[in-house]
Amino acid sequence: MNELYELAKQIDVLIIFYFFMGAGIYGIVSTIMNGIWLIKDSIKKRKKKKKSAEDKTEE
């Protein structure tokens, strides 16, 4: 019975480890994706602003 208890403890530690590992990986990926979206949106805004400025100078 003692071996079963030790096995359960090891499995519990692995589950907790993978849970925190998954949460950490999700946090890193989420931060990178938010950065990419921020850069993408700022480029779109800059292009739109530049185009509207060019349209005003043409008129």
PDB file of N, CA and C in Angstrom:
ATOM      1  N   MET A   1       0.822  -1.200   0.000  1.00  0.00           N
ATOM      2  CA  MET A   1       0.000   0.000   0.000  1.00  0.00           C
ATOM      3  C   MET A   1       0.865   1.262   0.000  1.00  0.00           C
ATOM      4  N   ASN A   2       2.044   1.165   0.591  1.00  0.00           N
ATOM      5  CA  ASN A   2       2.946   2.311   0.659  1.00  0.00           C
ATOM      6  C   ASN A   2       3.430   2.686  -0.742  1.00  0.00           C
ATOM      7  N   GLU A   3       3.657   1.683  -1.600  1.00  0.00           N
ATOM      8  CA  GLU A   3       4.097   1.953  -2.965  1.00  0.00           C
ATOM      9  C   GLU A   3       3.014   2.691  -3.748  1.00  0.00           C
ATOM     10  N   LEU A   4       1.759   2.329  -3.508  1.00  0.00           N
ATOM     11  CA  LEU A   4       0.647   2.994  -4.180  1.00  0.00           C
ATOM     12  C   LEU A   4       0.569   4.458  -3.755  1.00  0.00           C
ATOM     13  N   TYR A   5       0.829   4.716  -2.494  1.00  0.00           N
ATOM     14  CA  TYR A   5       0.818   6.086  -1.977  1.00  0.00           C
ATOM     15  C   TYR A   5       1.937   6.909  -2.623  1.00  0.00           C
ATOM     16  N   GLU A   6       3.116   6.322  -2.744  1.00  0.00           N
ATOM     17  CA  GLU A   6       4.243   7.020  -3.370  1.00  0.00           C
ATOM     18  C   GLU A   6       3.952   7.299  -4.854  1.00  0.00           C
ATOM     19  N   LEU A   7       3.338   6.335  -5.533  1.00  0.00           N
ATOM     20  CA  LEU A   7       2.973   6.525  -6.929  1.00  0.00           C
ATOM     21  C   LEU A   7       1.963   7.656  -7.075  1.00  0.00           C
ATOM     22  N   ALA A   8       0.976   7.688  -6.181  1.00  0.00           N
ATOM     23  CA  ALA A   8      -0.032   8.753  -6.232  1.00  0.00           C
ATOM     24  C   ALA A   8       0.610  10.120  -5.994  1.00  0.00           C
ATOM     25  N   LYS A   9       1.582  10.197  -5.105  1.00  0.00           N
ATOM     26  CA  LYS A   9       2.273  11.463  -4.859  1.00  0.00           C
ATOM     27  C   LYS A   9       3.038  11.913  -6.099  1.00  0.00           C
ATOM     28  N   GLN A  10       3.710  10.989  -6.774  1.00  0.00           N
ATOM     29  CA  GLN A  10       4.461  11.333  -7.978  1.00  0.00           C
ATOM     30  C   GLN A  10       3.532  11.797  -9.096  1.00  0.00           C
ATOM     31  N   ILE A  11       2.409  11.123  -9.260  1.00  0.00           N
ATOM     32  CA  ILE A  11       1.444  11.518 -10.284  1.00  0.00           C
ATOM     33  C   ILE A  11       0.876  12.894  -9.955  1.00  0.00           C
ATOM     34  N   ASP A  12       0.600  13.150  -8.683  1.00  0.00           N
ATOM     35  CA  ASP A  12       0.084  14.448  -8.260  1.00  0.00           C
ATOM     36  C   ASP A  12       1.093  15.555  -8.566  1.00  0.00           C
ATOM     37  N   VAL A  13       2.358  15.310  -8.300  1.00  0.00           N
ATOM     38  CA  VAL A  13       3.396  16.296  -8.583  1.00  0.00           C
ATOM     39  C   VAL A  13       3.489  16.543 -10.087  1.00  0.00           C
ATOM     40  N   LEU A  14       3.407  15.504 -10.903  1.00  0.00           N
ATOM     41  CA  LEU A  14       3.454  15.660 -12.356  1.00  0.00           C
ATOM     42  C   LEU A  14       2.273  16.475 -12.867  1.00  0.00           C
ATOM     43  N   ILE A  15       1.089  16.214 -12.327  1.00  0.00           N
ATOM     44  CA  ILE A  15      -0.098  16.960 -12.758  1.00  0.00           C
ATOM     45  C   ILE A  15       0.056  18.439 -12.418  1.00  0.00           C
ATOM     46  N   ILE A  16       0.512  18.725 -11.213  1.00  0.00           N
ATOM     47  CA  ILE A  16       0.713  20.123 -10.815  1.00  0.00           C
ATOM     48  C   ILE A  16       1.790  20.771 -11.680  1.00  0.00           C
ATOM     49  N   PHE A  17       2.877  20.052 -11.961  1.00  0.00           N
ATOM     50  CA  PHE A  17       3.949  20.575 -12.804  1.00  0.00           C
ATOM     51  C   PHE A  17       3.435  20.921 -14.193  1.00  0.00           C
ATOM     52  N   TYR A  18       2.697  19.994 -14.823  1.00  0.00           N
ATOM     53  CA  TYR A  18       2.192  20.245 -16.168  1.00  0.00           C
ATOM     54  C   TYR A  18       1.153  21.365 -16.178  1.00  0.00           C
ATOM     55  N   PHE A  19       0.377  21.501 -15.110  1.00  0.00           N
ATOM     56  CA  PHE A  19      -0.596  22.589 -15.020  1.00  0.00           C
ATOM     57  C   PHE A  19       0.122  23.938 -15.031  1.00  0.00           C
ATOM     58  N   PHE A  20       1.135  24.088 -14.176  1.00  0.00           N
ATOM     59  CA  PHE A  20       1.871  25.352 -14.128  1.00  0.00           C
ATOM     60  C   PHE A  20       2.684  25.576 -15.400  1.00  0.00           C
ATOM     61  N   MET A  21       3.201  24.513 -15.985  1.00  0.00           N
ATOM     62  CA  MET A  21       3.951  24.634 -17.228  1.00  0.00           C
ATOM     63  C   MET A  21       3.020  25.118 -18.343  1.00  0.00           C
ATOM     64  N   GLY A  22       1.845  24.564 -18.418  1.00  0.00           N
ATOM     65  CA  GLY A  22       0.865  24.991 -19.414  1.00  0.00           C
ATOM     66  C   GLY A  22       0.443  26.434 -19.212  1.00  0.00           C
ATOM     67  N   ALA A  23       0.223  26.826 -17.962  1.00  0.00           N
ATOM     68  CA  ALA A  23      -0.150  28.209 -17.676  1.00  0.00           C
ATOM     69  C   ALA A  23       0.979  29.159 -18.062  1.00  0.00           C
ATOM     70  N   GLY A  24       2.206  28.770 -17.806  1.00  0.00           N
ATOM     71  CA  GLY A  24       3.352  29.610 -18.170  1.00  0.00           C
ATOM     72  C   GLY A  24       3.500  29.750 -19.667  1.00  0.00           C
ATOM     73  N   ILE A  25       3.352  28.644 -20.382  1.00  0.00           N
ATOM     74  CA  ILE A  25       3.465  28.679 -21.843  1.00  0.00           C
ATOM     75  C   ILE A  25       2.331  29.518 -22.426  1.00  0.00           C
ATOM     76  N   TYR A  26       1.123  29.373 -21.884  1.00  0.00           N
ATOM     77  CA  TYR A  26      -0.005  30.173 -22.355  1.00  0.00           C
ATOM     78  C   TYR A  26       0.261  31.660 -22.137  1.00  0.00           C
ATOM     79  N   GLY A  27       0.829  32.008 -21.004  1.00  0.00           N
ATOM     80  CA  GLY A  27       1.137  33.408 -20.725  1.00  0.00           C
ATOM     81  C   GLY A  27       2.156  33.979 -21.685  1.00  0.00           C
ATOM     82  N   ILE A  28       3.182  33.207 -21.979  1.00  0.00           N
ATOM     83  CA  ILE A  28       4.217  33.667 -22.908  1.00  0.00           C
ATOM     84  C   ILE A  28       3.642  33.833 -24.312  1.00  0.00           C
ATOM     85  N   VAL A  29       2.905  32.839 -24.782  1.00  0.00           N
ATOM     86  CA  VAL A  29       2.329  32.901 -26.125  1.00  0.00           C
ATOM     87  C   VAL A  29       1.322  34.047 -26.221  1.00  0.00           C
ATOM     88  N   SER A  30       0.524  34.222 -25.180  1.00  0.00           N
ATOM     89  CA  SER A  30      -0.459  35.304 -25.173  1.00  0.00           C
ATOM     90  C   SER A  30       0.217  36.666 -25.243  1.00  0.00           C
ATOM     91  N   THR A  31       1.305  36.844 -24.510  1.00  0.00           N
ATOM     92  CA  THR A  31       2.031  38.111 -24.535  1.00  0.00           C
ATOM     93  C   THR A  31       2.627  38.375 -25.913  1.00  0.00           C
ATOM     94  N   ILE A  32       3.203  37.354 -26.526  1.00  0.00           N
ATOM     95  CA  ILE A  32       3.783  37.511 -27.863  1.00  0.00           C
ATOM     96  C   ILE A  32       2.691  37.862 -28.884  1.00  0.00           C
ATOM     97  N   MET A  33       1.562  37.182 -28.810  1.00  0.00           N
ATOM     98  CA  MET A  33       0.477  37.454 -29.755  1.00  0.00           C
ATOM     99  C   MET A  33      -0.082  38.858 -29.560  1.00  0.00           C
ATOM    100  N   ASN A  34      -0.214  39.309 -28.314  1.00  0.00           N
ATOM    101  CA  ASN A  34      -0.688  40.671 -28.070  1.00  0.00           C
ATOM    102  C   ASN A  34       0.290  41.690 -28.640  1.00  0.00           C
ATOM    103  N   GLY A  35       1.569  41.424 -28.528  1.00  0.00           N
ATOM    104  CA  GLY A  35       2.572  42.311 -29.104  1.00  0.00           C
ATOM    105  C   GLY A  35       2.463  42.374 -30.614  1.00  0.00           C
ATOM    106  N   ILE A  36       2.261  41.218 -31.238  1.00  0.00           N
ATOM    107  CA  ILE A  36       2.120  41.176 -32.697  1.00  0.00           C
ATOM    108  C   ILE A  36       0.880  41.952 -33.129  1.00  0.00           C
ATOM    109  N   TRP A  37      -0.241  41.766 -32.424  1.00  0.00           N
ATOM    110  CA  TRP A  37      -1.460  42.491 -32.776  1.00  0.00           C
ATOM    111  C   TRP A  37      -1.277  43.992 -32.571  1.00  0.00           C
ATOM    112  N   LEU A  38      -0.558  44.395 -31.537  1.00  0.00           N
ATOM    113  CA  LEU A  38      -0.317  45.812 -31.281  1.00  0.00           C
ATOM    114  C   LEU A  38       0.492  46.433 -32.413  1.00  0.00           C
ATOM    115  N   ILE A  39       1.542  45.743 -32.832  1.00  0.00           N
ATOM    116  CA  ILE A  39       2.375  46.243 -33.935  1.00  0.00           C
ATOM    117  C   ILE A  39       1.558  46.303 -35.225  1.00  0.00           C
ATOM    118  N   LYS A  40       0.781  45.257 -35.486  1.00  0.00           N
ATOM    119  CA  LYS A  40      -0.034  45.201 -36.702  1.00  0.00           C
ATOM    120  C   LYS A  40      -1.047  46.346 -36.730  1.00  0.00           C
ATOM    121  N   ASP A  41      -1.713  46.585 -35.615  1.00  0.00           N
ATOM    122  CA  ASP A  41      -2.696  47.664 -35.554  1.00  0.00           C
ATOM    123  C   ASP A  41      -2.049  49.031 -35.702  1.00  0.00           C
ATOM    124  N   SER A  42      -0.872  49.218 -35.118  1.00  0.00           N
ATOM    125  CA  SER A  42      -0.205  50.517 -35.243  1.00  0.00           C
ATOM    126  C   SER A  42       0.238  50.764 -36.684  1.00  0.00           C
ATOM    127  N   ILE A  43       0.663  49.715 -37.386  1.00  0.00           N
ATOM    128  CA  ILE A  43       1.043  49.864 -38.795  1.00  0.00           C
ATOM    129  C   ILE A  43      -0.190  50.229 -39.634  1.00  0.00           C
ATOM    130  N   LYS A  44      -1.322  49.572 -39.357  1.00  0.00           N
ATOM    131  CA  LYS A  44      -2.548  49.888 -40.095  1.00  0.00           C
ATOM    132  C   LYS A  44      -2.963  51.340 -39.865  1.00  0.00           C
ATOM    133  N   LYS A  45      -2.894  51.803 -38.617  1.00  0.00           N
ATOM    134  CA  LYS A  45      -3.274  53.183 -38.306  1.00  0.00           C
ATOM    135  C   LYS A  45      -2.344  54.166 -38.999  1.00  0.00           C
ATOM    136  N   ARG A  46      -1.049  53.866 -39.001  1.00  0.00           N
ATOM    137  CA  ARG A  46      -0.085  54.756 -39.643  1.00  0.00           C
ATOM    138  C   ARG A  46      -0.343  54.836 -41.149  1.00  0.00           C
ATOM    139  N   LYS A  47      -0.616  53.687 -41.780  1.00  0.00           N
ATOM    140  CA  LYS A  47      -0.898  53.690 -43.214  1.00  0.00           C
ATOM    141  C   LYS A  47      -2.172  54.483 -43.520  1.00  0.00           C
ATOM    142  N   LYS A  48      -3.186  54.294 -42.678  1.00  0.00           N
ATOM    143  CA  LYS A  48      -4.448  55.001 -42.881  1.00  0.00           C
ATOM    144  C   LYS A  48      -4.247  56.508 -42.712  1.00  0.00           C
ATOM    145  N   LYS A  49      -3.492  56.894 -41.711  1.00  0.00           N
ATOM    146  CA  LYS A  49      -3.232  58.307 -41.469  1.00  0.00           C
ATOM    147  C   LYS A  49      -2.425  58.910 -42.620  1.00  0.00           C
ATOM    148  N   LYS A  50      -1.445  58.167 -43.105  1.00  0.00           N
ATOM    149  CA  LYS A  50      -0.620  58.636 -44.213  1.00  0.00           C
ATOM    150  C   LYS A  50      -1.451  58.780 -45.482  1.00  0.00           C
ATOM    151  N   LYS A  51      -2.352  57.815 -45.727  1.00  0.00           N
ATOM    152  CA  LYS A  51      -3.200  57.864 -46.914  1.00  0.00           C
ATOM    153  C   LYS A  51      -4.159  59.042 -46.838  1.00  0.00           C
ATOM    154  N   SER A  52      -4.736  59.294 -45.683  1.00  0.00           N
ATOM    155  CA  SER A  52      -5.662  60.420 -45.545  1.00  0.00           C
ATOM    156  C   SER A  52      -4.920  61.742 -45.699  1.00  0.00           C
ATOM    157  N   ALA A  53      -3.680  61.808 -45.255  1.00  0.00           N
ATOM    158  CA  ALA A  53      -2.868  63.019 -45.431  1.00  0.00           C
ATOM    159  C   ALA A  53      -2.567  63.223 -46.912  1.00  0.00           C
ATOM    160  N   GLU A  54      -2.277  62.155 -47.642  1.00  0.00           N
ATOM    161  CA  GLU A  54      -2.013  62.266 -49.085  1.00  0.00           C
ATOM    162  C   GLU A  54      -3.264  62.690 -49.828  1.00  0.00           C
ATOM    163  N   ASP A  55      -4.417  62.164 -49.410  1.00  0.00           N
ATOM    164  CA  ASP A  55      -5.679  62.545 -50.062  1.00  0.00           C
ATOM    165  C   ASP A  55      -5.970  64.032 -49.860  1.00  0.00           C
ATOM    166  N   LYS A  56      -5.657  64.565 -48.701  1.00  0.00           N
ATOM    167  CA  LYS A  56      -5.903  65.988 -48.425  1.00  0.00           C
ATOM    168  C   LYS A  56      -4.974  66.870 -49.244  1.00  0.00           C
ATOM    169  N   THR A  57      -3.741  66.438 -49.442  1.00  0.00           N
ATOM    170  CA  THR A  57      -2.809  67.244 -50.228  1.00  0.00           C
ATOM    171  C   THR A  57      -3.161  67.223 -51.706  1.00  0.00           C
ATOM    172  N   GLU A  58      -3.785  66.155 -52.197  1.00  0.00           N
ATOM    173  CA  GLU A  58      -4.170  66.065 -53.604  1.00  0.00           C
ATOM    174  C   GLU A  58      -5.330  66.984 -53.932  1.00  0.00           C
ATOM    175  N   GLU A  59      -6.199  67.230 -52.961  1.00  0.00           N
ATOM    176  CA  GLU A  59      -7.404  68.033 -53.218  1.00  0.00           C
ATOM    177  C   GLU A  59      -7.134  69.493 -53.274  1.00  0.00           C
TER     178      GLU A  59
END
